[in-house]
Each structure stands twice: as structure tokens, then as C-alpha cells.
């Protein structure tokens, strides 16, 4: 067992008797260890803050911080480190206190080298077993979560047909009514209606929104049947502006400043415009909801020969560090039950992956979030 390997936790030998410490260190070196040495509790704690250590052989009786107090400090900060207490005049009470404080074991001087080596090996084996147990627990937790998510998605898939039906029926009525209104307004006798052009523009927006809503019901809730992407030319910059137009009321109410970092050229992708739009709606609406009044949202576009990089950055509330690894999970949300489904960012991640792209996030609580999207210029 060679603990000189940087990939493995090392062995730390702590004793204020220089002669004893260096002798034991040399003998342990011949047994395959490469112990780090410290002459005091203070030096021990300093080393632990700088180097990976798995096992500490610690003298109980030392000037300054005692071995027992050093042990307590180690266990308070480095719970997984195993500590073997070592002293020439240990009392039963010292041994009991040491074990109660988290010591792996205790030995008395003069110590037999074989006995010490065995205890050190046992301590490293304990670390290995605890790591394996932790990995097993994490694996089981992930497996359990995956099973729960799968069950939820199956349930969502079962519900999706009915939900789409309930949504699409009123959409059909809205679309039909909008079409009827358009036919009435374009009649010659209606030419003198005030703001006729504005009314027609409003009806066209309704028709476009209905079409988009129908597409979203299939993509957001349509986990039953995967539909083939419809590839066409997408001006990402123009689509960003169009999507912001849908959020115009919220942007104006909060007096949000939109900053652009891009050149005047088109940013063209050959991709699925409906899916790109859905990504933008989710991310931009999240940014708008995250910022306070007079907040700032910055949109950056950078084009290379093969891809386009989009960054949507806000100076809003930010995301807690503990949640960053979960935000793309299905059904994960920090919003109240009646305000969030936990599907928005899950769908964003799923769509971007299906378009051969990548999405990453950086966030600081209280300072804001930045979502970086990389999309290929041509979807094969």
C-alpha cells in the first residue's frame, strides 16, 4: 500500500518526539507507506487543510493542543478521516474518551510495528468500505429517483392525450372565431372602422399564437409519441426579438432593460423553429420572472463556422448552489405547487439535446443566472 500516490488519501504521523516520529516514519516507509510528519496538533490541522489525508496516527500527550482536542477538531471538520491514538501512558479514561470522540482505535507505546501496520491497513480498509457504501447508497437513490421519474412520465404520457384534447378544443374555437372576425373586418363596408389595421394585426397574432400553442401541447405534454423535427431556416436573432415581444407586458411592467451583445448580421440556423421558439420562451420567461423591477437581461450571440452560442443572462434572484444539479430534472421546482410544474427546464434540456446542442448554467444566489446554449448551425 503506497500512499504516496496523489490519487489516494495519505497517512499523517503526528508526534512531538522527533526521534520516535522519524524512526516510525522510516519503518512505515519500508512497509509501503509514505507518511507525512507533523510535530504538533496545530501543524496536523494545518496539513489537513492542504493535503489529502485518510489516516492520522496521533500522539495523545503533546504540548499545545492535546491529542484528544486535535482528534475532536479533526472529526468536526473531516468526518471521514480515521484517527489512531498513540501514546506511552494512556489511561483507560483517555482511551474511552478517544473512542467516544471518534477515534478508530488506540495503541500504547512502545508499539509493535506489525500491530501498527495492521491497524493502519484496517483504517484504510474502513475508509474504502465507507466509500463503497456511500456510492451504493447514491446509486440506489439515483435508481429510486429514476424509477419515480419514469412512473411520473408514464402517468404524464397517459394524461397527455386527454389534456391535449381539453386544450385543443378551446384553441379550435378561438382560431375559428379569429378567422370569422378577419373575414368580417376585410369586407369593403368595414373599411372605415377605426384602427382596422391594428385589429387585423391583433387577429394575426391570435392565429399565430393558437398555432404555436397547439405545437406546444404536442411537445410539452406529448411524451407518448415522439414527432420528427421540422427543419427550416431559423433567424435566431429575429426569433429572440419576436419572443421578447410576447413578454412585452411583463418587461414593461417591471421596467426591465434588455441589453444585446451581438453584431448586425443574421444568426441563421437550419433547425426546428418550433422547438427553438419553445426553448426561448421558457428561458426568457424564467429570466423575466427572476429579475426585480429595473432589472437587466443581457442577450449575447456569438457565431462560429459550425455553431451559434446564445447566452441569456439576468441579474435576478439566482439559483441556490444545492439546486444547480437538479434544475433540469423532470418535476423539480422551487415554486409553489400551483405556480410551477417543474417541466420547463426539463423540456428545454430535452429539446436542446434532441437538436444536438448543449445547455449549461452558472448562477450565484442573489446576483443572477446565466444560461449558455450551444446549437449547431445545421441539424443533420
Protein backbone atom coordinates (compact mmCIF):
# COMPACT_ATOMS: atom_id res chain seq x y z
CA UNK A 1 0.00 0.00 0.00
CA UNK A 2 1.77 3.11 -1.22
CA UNK A 3 0.10 6.29 -0.03
CA UNK A 4 2.49 8.50 -1.96
CA UNK A 5 0.05 8.23 -4.86
CA UNK A 6 -1.72 11.60 -5.18
CA UNK A 7 -4.94 9.85 -6.17
CA UNK A 8 -5.21 8.17 -2.76
CA UNK A 9 -5.58 9.64 0.73
CA UNK A 10 -2.29 9.72 2.62
CA UNK A 11 -1.05 8.80 6.07
CA UNK A 12 -0.19 11.51 8.62
CA UNK A 13 2.04 10.74 11.63
CA UNK A 14 1.73 13.28 14.48
CA UNK A 15 4.10 13.12 17.49
CA UNK A 16 6.12 15.75 19.33
CA UNK A 17 9.01 13.30 19.95
CA UNK A 18 11.17 13.83 16.86
CA UNK A 19 13.27 10.69 17.29
CA UNK A 20 10.30 8.37 17.73
CA UNK A 21 8.36 10.00 14.89
CA UNK A 22 11.16 9.84 12.31
CA UNK A 23 12.02 6.25 13.26
CA UNK A 24 8.43 5.07 12.90
CA UNK A 25 8.11 7.00 9.63
CA UNK A 26 11.17 5.23 8.17
CA UNK A 27 9.88 1.82 9.25
CA UNK A 28 6.46 2.51 7.80
CA UNK A 29 8.18 3.60 4.59
CA UNK A 30 9.67 0.12 4.30
CA UNK A 31 6.16 -1.33 4.61
CA UNK A 32 4.86 0.58 1.60
CA UNK A 33 3.60 3.75 3.26
CA UNK A 34 4.82 7.32 2.71
CA UNK A 35 3.75 9.10 5.89
CA UNK A 36 3.61 12.87 6.19
CA UNK A 37 5.01 14.08 9.52
CA UNK A 38 3.79 16.71 11.98
CA UNK A 39 5.15 17.58 15.42
CA UNK A 40 2.04 19.18 16.93
CA UNK A 41 -1.74 19.32 16.79
CA UNK A 42 -1.56 22.77 15.20
CA UNK A 43 0.73 21.52 12.42
CA UNK A 44 -1.51 18.48 11.94
CA UNK A 45 -4.61 20.62 11.36
CA UNK A 46 -2.67 22.89 9.00
CA UNK A 47 -1.56 19.90 6.90
CA UNK A 48 -5.11 18.50 6.77
CA UNK A 49 -6.25 21.79 5.28
CA UNK A 50 -3.74 21.47 2.44
CA UNK A 51 -3.24 17.77 1.69
CA UNK A 52 -5.50 14.73 1.19
CA UNK A 53 -5.14 12.51 4.26
CA UNK A 54 -7.09 9.35 5.06
CA UNK A 55 -5.50 8.11 8.30
CA UNK A 56 -3.87 10.02 11.15
CA UNK A 57 -1.66 8.31 13.75
CA UNK A 58 -1.89 10.81 16.60
CA UNK A 59 0.01 11.08 19.89
CA UNK A 60 -2.30 11.88 22.81
CA UNK A 61 0.17 13.72 25.07
CA UNK A 62 1.53 16.75 23.22
CA UNK A 63 2.25 20.37 24.20
CA UNK A 64 -0.24 22.96 22.92
CA UNK A 65 -3.34 21.30 21.53
CA UNK A 66 -3.65 17.85 23.10
CA UNK A 67 -4.18 14.74 21.03
CA UNK A 68 -7.79 14.39 22.22
CA UNK A 69 -8.58 18.02 21.33
CA UNK A 70 -6.85 17.56 17.96
CA UNK A 71 -8.95 14.43 17.39
CA UNK A 72 -12.15 16.36 18.15
CA UNK A 73 -11.11 19.15 15.75
CA UNK A 74 -10.32 16.60 13.03
CA UNK A 75 -13.67 14.85 13.39
CA UNK A 76 -15.56 18.12 13.43
CA UNK A 77 -14.13 19.16 10.07
CA UNK A 78 -13.00 15.90 8.41
CA UNK A 79 -15.52 13.27 9.44
CA UNK A 80 -14.21 10.57 7.08
CA UNK A 81 -10.59 10.68 8.33
CA UNK A 82 -9.71 7.72 10.58
CA UNK A 83 -7.59 8.51 13.65
CA UNK A 84 -5.43 6.04 15.57
CA UNK A 85 -4.40 7.36 19.00
CA UNK A 86 -0.88 6.55 20.14
CA UNK A 87 0.78 7.33 23.49
CA UNK A 88 3.15 6.00 26.10
CA UNK A 89 0.96 6.46 29.15
CA UNK A 90 -2.64 6.26 28.01
CA UNK A 91 -5.22 5.82 30.72
CA UNK A 92 -8.47 3.92 30.37
CA UNK A 93 -10.36 7.21 30.55
CA UNK A 94 -8.21 8.65 27.73
CA UNK A 95 -8.94 5.60 25.59
CA UNK A 96 -12.67 5.75 26.27
CA UNK A 97 -12.79 9.49 25.59
CA UNK A 98 -10.84 8.96 22.38
CA UNK A 99 -13.22 6.27 21.12
CA UNK A 100 -16.22 8.41 22.10
CA UNK A 101 -14.67 11.32 20.19
CA UNK A 102 -14.44 9.22 17.04
CA UNK A 103 -11.02 7.52 17.18
CA UNK A 104 -10.69 4.38 15.07
CA UNK A 105 -8.57 2.72 17.77
CA UNK A 106 -5.77 3.44 20.27
CA UNK A 107 -2.36 1.83 20.86
CA UNK A 108 0.27 2.23 23.57
CA UNK A 109 4.00 2.85 23.22
CA UNK A 110 6.23 1.06 22.68
CA UNK A 111 4.14 -0.15 19.79
CA UNK A 112 4.90 -3.23 17.75
CA UNK A 113 5.35 -2.23 14.12
CA UNK A 114 3.27 -5.15 12.81
CA UNK A 115 0.44 -4.19 15.13
CA UNK A 116 0.58 -0.55 13.99
CA UNK A 117 0.74 -1.54 10.32
CA UNK A 118 -2.29 -3.80 10.72
CA UNK A 119 -4.27 -1.02 12.40
CA UNK A 120 -3.34 1.44 9.65
CA UNK A 121 -4.39 -1.06 6.97
CA UNK A 122 -7.66 -1.68 8.80
CA UNK A 123 -8.28 2.07 8.97
CA UNK A 124 -7.70 2.48 5.22
CA UNK A 125 -9.94 -0.53 4.59
CA UNK A 126 -12.64 1.13 6.71
CA UNK A 127 -12.37 4.23 4.51
CA UNK A 128 -12.68 2.10 1.38
CA UNK A 129 -15.74 0.27 2.73
CA UNK A 130 -17.41 3.52 3.77
CA UNK A 131 -16.77 4.99 0.30
CA UNK A 132 -18.24 1.89 -1.35
CA UNK A 133 -21.24 2.05 0.95
CA UNK A 134 -21.74 5.73 0.12
CA UNK A 135 -21.51 5.01 -3.62
CA UNK A 136 -24.03 2.20 -3.22
CA UNK A 137 -26.42 4.49 -1.33
CA UNK A 138 -26.03 7.19 -4.00
CA UNK A 139 -26.60 4.63 -6.76
CA UNK A 140 -29.73 3.34 -5.06
CA UNK A 141 -31.02 6.87 -4.52
CA UNK A 142 -30.46 7.70 -8.21
CA UNK A 143 -32.11 4.44 -9.26
CA UNK A 144 -35.06 5.11 -6.98
CA UNK A 145 -35.39 8.66 -8.32
CA UNK A 146 -35.19 7.39 -11.90
CA UNK A 147 -37.95 4.87 -11.20
CA UNK A 148 -40.14 7.57 -9.63
CA UNK A 149 -39.49 9.94 -12.56
CA UNK A 150 -40.24 7.16 -15.02
CA UNK A 151 -43.54 6.43 -13.28
CA UNK A 152 -44.37 10.13 -13.35
CA UNK A 153 -43.54 10.40 -17.04
CA UNK A 154 -45.64 7.32 -17.80
CA UNK A 155 -48.52 8.92 -15.90
CA UNK A 156 -47.94 12.17 -17.78
CA UNK A 157 -47.94 10.29 -21.06
CA UNK A 158 -51.23 8.63 -20.16
CA UNK A 159 -52.72 12.01 -19.28
CA UNK A 160 -51.32 13.86 -22.28
CA UNK A 161 -53.95 12.78 -24.81
CA UNK A 162 -56.79 13.96 -22.60
CA UNK A 163 -55.02 17.19 -21.67
CA UNK A 164 -54.19 17.97 -25.30
CA UNK A 165 -57.84 17.32 -26.18
CA UNK A 166 -59.05 19.69 -23.45
CA UNK A 167 -56.63 22.41 -24.57
CA UNK A 168 -57.02 21.97 -28.32
CA UNK A 169 -60.83 22.20 -28.24
CA UNK A 170 -60.94 25.80 -26.93
CA UNK A 171 -57.99 26.63 -29.19
CA UNK A 172 -60.04 25.49 -32.18
CA UNK A 173 -62.91 27.76 -31.12
CA UNK A 174 -60.52 30.71 -30.64
CA UNK A 175 -58.96 30.09 -34.05
CA UNK A 176 -62.33 29.77 -35.76
CA UNK A 177 -63.59 32.96 -34.10
CA UNK A 178 -60.44 34.83 -35.12
CA UNK A 179 -60.89 33.67 -38.71
CA UNK A 180 -64.52 34.80 -38.71
CA UNK A 181 -63.53 38.22 -37.29
CA UNK A 182 -60.91 38.60 -40.02
CA UNK A 183 -63.44 37.79 -42.75
CA UNK A 184 -65.84 40.39 -41.34
CA UNK A 185 -63.22 43.12 -40.98
CA UNK A 186 -61.85 42.76 -44.53
CA UNK A 187 -65.29 43.37 -46.07
CA UNK A 188 -65.42 46.65 -48.10
CA UNK A 189 -68.16 48.11 -45.93
CA UNK A 190 -65.86 47.79 -42.91
CA UNK A 191 -63.13 49.94 -44.46
CA UNK A 192 -63.93 52.93 -42.27
CA UNK A 193 -63.54 51.08 -38.97
CA UNK A 194 -61.01 52.95 -36.78
CA UNK A 195 -57.74 51.09 -36.23
CA UNK A 196 -58.68 48.42 -38.79
CA UNK A 197 -55.03 47.56 -39.48
CA UNK A 198 -54.33 47.21 -35.76
CA UNK A 199 -57.30 44.85 -35.40
CA UNK A 200 -56.10 42.70 -38.31
CA UNK A 201 -52.61 42.60 -36.83
CA UNK A 202 -54.08 41.52 -33.50
CA UNK A 203 -56.08 38.74 -35.17
CA UNK A 204 -52.97 37.50 -36.97
CA UNK A 205 -51.16 37.37 -33.62
CA UNK A 206 -54.05 35.33 -32.20
CA UNK A 207 -53.86 32.88 -35.11
CA UNK A 208 -50.08 32.55 -34.77
CA UNK A 209 -50.37 32.06 -31.02
CA UNK A 210 -53.04 29.36 -31.47
CA UNK A 211 -50.81 27.54 -33.93
CA UNK A 212 -47.87 27.80 -31.55
CA UNK A 213 -49.99 26.68 -28.57
CA UNK A 214 -51.10 23.60 -30.48
CA UNK A 215 -47.50 22.76 -31.23
CA UNK A 216 -46.52 23.29 -27.60
CA UNK A 217 -49.26 20.97 -26.32
CA UNK A 218 -47.81 18.23 -28.51
CA UNK A 219 -44.22 18.89 -27.47
CA UNK A 220 -44.65 19.81 -23.80
CA UNK A 221 -47.09 17.06 -22.98
CA UNK A 222 -46.53 14.74 -25.93
CA UNK A 223 -44.29 12.14 -24.30
CA UNK A 224 -46.36 9.35 -25.81
CA UNK A 225 -45.29 9.80 -29.40
CA UNK A 226 -42.08 11.49 -30.48
CA UNK A 227 -42.56 13.65 -33.55
CA UNK A 228 -39.95 14.18 -36.20
CA UNK A 229 -38.30 17.62 -36.21
CA UNK A 230 -39.37 20.01 -38.99
CA UNK A 231 -36.14 21.55 -40.26
CA UNK A 232 -36.10 25.00 -41.82
CA UNK A 233 -34.12 28.24 -41.74
CA UNK A 234 -34.24 29.96 -38.35
CA UNK A 235 -33.00 33.50 -37.76
CA UNK A 236 -32.15 33.11 -34.07
CA UNK A 237 -31.68 36.84 -33.52
CA UNK A 238 -35.06 37.68 -35.04
CA UNK A 239 -36.73 34.86 -33.12
CA UNK A 240 -35.29 36.23 -29.87
CA UNK A 241 -36.82 39.62 -30.61
CA UNK A 242 -40.14 38.05 -31.54
CA UNK A 243 -40.21 36.02 -28.31
CA UNK A 244 -39.42 39.12 -26.27
CA UNK A 245 -42.45 40.71 -27.93
CA UNK A 246 -44.64 38.04 -26.32
CA UNK A 247 -43.27 39.09 -22.94
CA UNK A 248 -43.55 42.82 -23.66
CA UNK A 249 -46.19 43.49 -20.99
CA UNK A 250 -44.16 41.87 -18.19
CA UNK A 251 -40.97 43.57 -19.38
CA UNK A 252 -42.63 46.99 -19.36
CA UNK A 253 -44.36 46.45 -16.01
CA UNK A 254 -41.02 45.69 -14.35
CA UNK A 255 -39.15 48.29 -16.41
CA UNK A 256 -36.64 45.60 -17.39
CA UNK A 257 -33.68 46.71 -19.50
CA UNK A 258 -32.83 44.36 -22.39
CA UNK A 259 -29.18 44.53 -23.46
CA UNK A 260 -27.95 42.99 -26.71
CA UNK A 261 -24.38 41.83 -27.30
CA UNK A 262 -24.18 40.87 -30.97
CA UNK A 263 -23.43 42.30 -34.40
CA UNK A 264 -25.98 43.34 -37.03
CA UNK A 265 -25.72 40.12 -39.05
CA UNK A 266 -28.42 37.47 -39.07
CA UNK A 267 -27.72 34.44 -36.90
CA UNK A 268 -29.10 31.65 -39.07
CA UNK A 269 -29.63 28.03 -38.05
CA UNK A 270 -31.07 25.16 -40.02
CA UNK A 271 -33.13 23.63 -37.24
CA UNK A 272 -36.67 23.19 -35.89
CA UNK A 273 -38.17 26.69 -35.41
CA UNK A 274 -40.98 25.49 -33.15
CA UNK A 275 -38.60 23.78 -30.78
CA UNK A 276 -36.16 26.72 -30.82
CA UNK A 277 -39.06 29.03 -30.01
CA UNK A 278 -40.09 26.82 -27.09
CA UNK A 279 -36.55 26.97 -25.68
CA UNK A 280 -36.53 30.76 -25.91
CA UNK A 281 -40.00 31.17 -24.38
CA UNK A 282 -39.03 29.04 -21.38
CA UNK A 283 -35.65 30.67 -20.74
CA UNK A 284 -36.72 34.27 -21.39
CA UNK A 285 -39.88 33.98 -19.28
CA UNK A 286 -37.77 32.50 -16.46
CA UNK A 287 -35.37 35.43 -16.72
CA UNK A 288 -38.22 37.96 -16.70
CA UNK A 289 -39.75 36.33 -13.62
CA UNK A 290 -36.36 36.15 -11.87
CA UNK A 291 -35.44 39.84 -12.07
CA UNK A 292 -36.88 42.55 -9.86
CA UNK A 293 -38.12 45.95 -11.02
CA UNK A 294 -35.49 47.80 -13.11
CA UNK A 295 -33.62 44.54 -13.64
CA UNK A 296 -31.34 43.73 -16.57
CA UNK A 297 -31.46 40.84 -19.04
CA UNK A 298 -28.47 40.52 -21.38
CA UNK A 299 -28.70 38.54 -24.63
CA UNK A 300 -25.39 37.56 -26.24
CA UNK A 301 -24.99 35.85 -29.61
CA UNK A 302 -21.69 34.52 -30.92
CA UNK A 303 -21.36 32.72 -34.25
CA UNK A 304 -18.60 30.32 -35.31
CA UNK A 305 -18.18 28.32 -38.50
CA UNK A 306 -20.18 25.39 -37.13
CA UNK A 307 -22.42 26.66 -34.34
CA UNK A 308 -24.12 29.58 -32.63
CA UNK A 309 -23.75 30.31 -28.93
CA UNK A 310 -26.54 32.10 -27.11
CA UNK A 311 -26.28 33.39 -23.55
CA UNK A 312 -29.34 34.59 -21.63
CA UNK A 313 -28.12 36.36 -18.51
CA UNK A 314 -30.12 38.09 -15.79
CA UNK A 315 -29.32 39.90 -12.56
CA UNK A 316 -32.22 38.31 -10.72
CA UNK A 317 -32.59 36.17 -7.61
CA UNK A 318 -30.20 33.43 -8.74
CA UNK A 319 -30.31 29.70 -8.03
CA UNK A 320 -29.05 28.10 -4.80
CA UNK A 321 -25.88 26.07 -5.39
CA UNK A 322 -27.53 22.93 -4.00
CA UNK A 323 -30.22 23.13 -6.72
CA UNK A 324 -27.96 23.67 -9.75
CA UNK A 325 -27.57 19.95 -10.35
CA UNK A 326 -31.33 19.38 -10.22
CA UNK A 327 -32.84 22.17 -12.31
CA UNK A 328 -33.00 20.07 -15.50
CA UNK A 329 -34.63 17.13 -13.69
CA UNK A 330 -38.30 16.48 -14.51
CA UNK A 331 -40.76 17.84 -11.93
CA UNK A 332 -38.08 19.71 -9.96
CA UNK A 333 -39.32 23.15 -8.98
CA UNK A 334 -38.90 25.60 -6.12
CA UNK A 335 -42.12 27.39 -7.00
CA UNK A 336 -45.38 26.83 -5.08
CA UNK A 337 -47.37 23.79 -6.23
CA UNK A 338 -49.92 25.85 -8.16
CA UNK A 339 -47.30 28.01 -9.92
CA UNK A 340 -44.76 25.58 -11.38
CA UNK A 341 -44.84 22.15 -12.98
CA UNK A 342 -41.10 21.52 -12.86
CA UNK A 343 -41.16 20.66 -16.57
CA UNK A 344 -39.94 23.91 -18.14
CA UNK A 345 -36.17 23.44 -17.86
CA UNK A 346 -36.52 19.68 -18.27
CA UNK A 347 -38.17 20.30 -21.64
CA UNK A 348 -35.51 22.90 -22.53
CA UNK A 349 -32.73 20.40 -21.83
CA UNK A 350 -34.54 17.62 -23.68
CA UNK A 351 -35.16 19.76 -26.78
CA UNK A 352 -31.60 21.12 -26.91
CA UNK A 353 -30.22 17.57 -26.64
CA UNK A 354 -32.54 16.42 -29.44
CA UNK A 355 -31.18 19.28 -31.58
CA UNK A 356 -27.59 18.08 -30.95
CA UNK A 357 -26.89 21.10 -28.76
CA UNK A 358 -25.76 21.73 -25.20
CA UNK A 359 -27.03 23.88 -22.34
CA UNK A 360 -25.12 24.86 -19.22
CA UNK A 361 -25.93 27.20 -16.35
CA UNK A 362 -23.99 29.38 -13.97
CA UNK A 363 -25.71 31.11 -11.08
CA UNK A 364 -25.00 32.98 -7.87
CA UNK A 365 -27.73 33.35 -5.29
CA UNK A 366 -28.81 36.97 -5.08
CA UNK A 367 -26.79 38.01 -8.16
CA UNK A 368 -28.42 36.25 -11.09
CA UNK A 369 -28.18 33.38 -13.55
CA UNK A 370 -26.66 32.76 -16.95
CA UNK A 371 -27.89 30.06 -19.34
CA UNK A 372 -25.48 29.22 -22.17
CA UNK A 373 -26.90 27.41 -25.20
CA UNK A 374 -24.77 25.97 -27.98
CA UNK A 375 -26.60 24.89 -31.15
CA UNK A 376 -25.15 23.52 -34.41
CA UNK A 377 -25.79 25.76 -37.42
CA UNK A 378 -27.09 22.80 -39.37
CA UNK A 379 -29.07 19.97 -37.79
CA UNK A 380 -28.29 16.77 -39.63
